[in-house]
Amino acid sequence: MNNHWAVQDAKAKFSELLNACLEQGPQVVTKRGHETAVLITIKEWNTLKKLAKPSLKTLLLSEEARGELVVPKRGQGVSRKPVKL
């Protein structure tokens, strides 16, 4: 049971690659001998997405990300001189 496919074989035998994924589990695609991608079932993909940490967008939009923004009083902020290029 070989689960590694060279990219040219994966392209030429995509139906076989897909069937192997469905029957045997994840299939690794290699490019120039290096593992490059993995074909997994949609069920596995959805499980992995649920287990993944929240995205930056989700974090920024969440209630936990909201807090008090500390803004210095007028005239007490740090000013910087412009950088000449």
Protein backbone atom coordinates (compact mmCIF):
# COMPACT_ATOMS: atom_id res chain seq x y z
CA MET A 1 0.00 0.00 0.00
CA ASN A 2 1.90 3.02 -1.32
CA ASN A 3 0.48 6.35 -0.23
CA HIS A 4 3.08 8.53 -1.97
CA TRP A 5 2.50 9.75 -5.51
CA ALA A 6 4.86 11.70 -7.74
CA VAL A 7 3.07 14.78 -9.06
CA GLN A 8 3.17 13.51 -12.66
CA ASP A 9 1.56 10.20 -11.56
CA ALA A 10 -1.01 12.04 -9.45
CA LYS A 11 -1.99 14.13 -12.48
CA ALA A 12 -2.09 11.19 -14.87
CA LYS A 13 -3.94 8.87 -12.48
CA PHE A 14 -6.10 11.29 -10.50
CA SER A 15 -9.06 8.89 -10.32
CA GLU A 16 -6.80 6.23 -8.81
CA LEU A 17 -5.36 8.78 -6.38
CA LEU A 18 -8.86 9.81 -5.32
CA ASN A 19 -9.98 6.20 -4.87
CA ALA A 20 -6.86 5.40 -2.85
CA CYS A 21 -7.64 8.38 -0.61
CA LEU A 22 -11.20 7.19 -0.06
CA GLU A 23 -10.19 3.57 0.56
CA GLN A 24 -6.78 3.81 2.25
CA GLY A 25 -6.67 7.26 3.81
CA PRO A 26 -4.52 10.33 3.14
CA GLN A 27 -2.32 10.28 0.05
CA VAL A 28 0.90 12.29 -0.19
CA VAL A 29 1.90 14.00 -3.44
CA THR A 30 5.61 14.58 -3.97
CA LYS A 31 7.36 17.03 -6.26
CA ARG A 32 10.99 16.37 -7.11
CA GLY A 33 11.11 13.88 -4.24
CA HIS A 34 9.79 16.29 -1.59
CA GLU A 35 6.43 15.85 0.12
CA THR A 36 4.36 18.75 -1.17
CA ALA A 37 0.65 18.12 -0.63
CA VAL A 38 -1.80 15.67 0.89
CA LEU A 39 -5.15 14.54 -0.48
CA ILE A 40 -7.63 13.80 2.31
CA THR A 41 -11.36 13.16 2.44
CA ILE A 42 -13.74 16.05 3.01
CA LYS A 43 -14.74 14.46 6.33
CA GLU A 44 -11.11 14.58 7.52
CA TRP A 45 -10.75 18.16 6.23
CA ASN A 46 -13.84 19.33 8.12
CA THR A 47 -12.60 17.63 11.30
CA LEU A 48 -9.22 19.34 10.98
CA LYS A 49 -10.87 22.73 10.40
CA LYS A 50 -12.93 22.33 13.57
CA LEU A 51 -9.81 21.45 15.57
CA ALA A 52 -7.79 24.35 14.18
CA LYS A 53 -7.16 27.43 16.26
CA PRO A 54 -9.34 30.40 15.39
CA SER A 55 -8.24 32.60 12.51
CA LEU A 56 -6.92 36.10 13.13
CA LYS A 57 -10.16 37.52 11.73
CA THR A 58 -12.21 35.43 14.15
CA LEU A 59 -10.04 36.50 17.06
CA LEU A 60 -10.23 40.19 16.19
CA LEU A 61 -14.00 40.07 15.82
CA SER A 62 -14.58 38.09 19.01
CA GLU A 63 -15.79 39.62 22.26
CA GLU A 64 -12.62 38.41 24.02
CA ALA A 65 -10.50 40.61 21.73
CA ARG A 66 -12.33 43.76 22.77
CA GLY A 67 -10.86 45.78 25.56
CA GLU A 68 -10.10 49.27 26.64
CA LEU A 69 -7.83 51.15 24.27
CA VAL A 70 -5.31 53.21 26.21
CA VAL A 71 -4.93 56.57 24.51
CA PRO A 72 -2.53 59.09 26.08
CA LYS A 73 -3.92 62.51 26.95
CA ARG A 74 -3.37 65.22 24.39
CA GLY A 75 0.23 66.39 24.41
CA GLN A 76 1.51 63.39 26.39
CA GLY A 77 1.99 61.05 23.46
CA VAL A 78 5.37 60.21 22.03
CA SER A 79 6.14 62.08 18.82
CA ARG A 80 8.66 60.92 16.30
CA LYS A 81 10.58 62.91 13.77
CA PRO A 82 9.94 61.95 10.16
CA VAL A 83 12.54 59.72 8.55
CA LYS A 84 14.22 61.19 5.48
CA LEU A 85 14.84 58.74 2.67
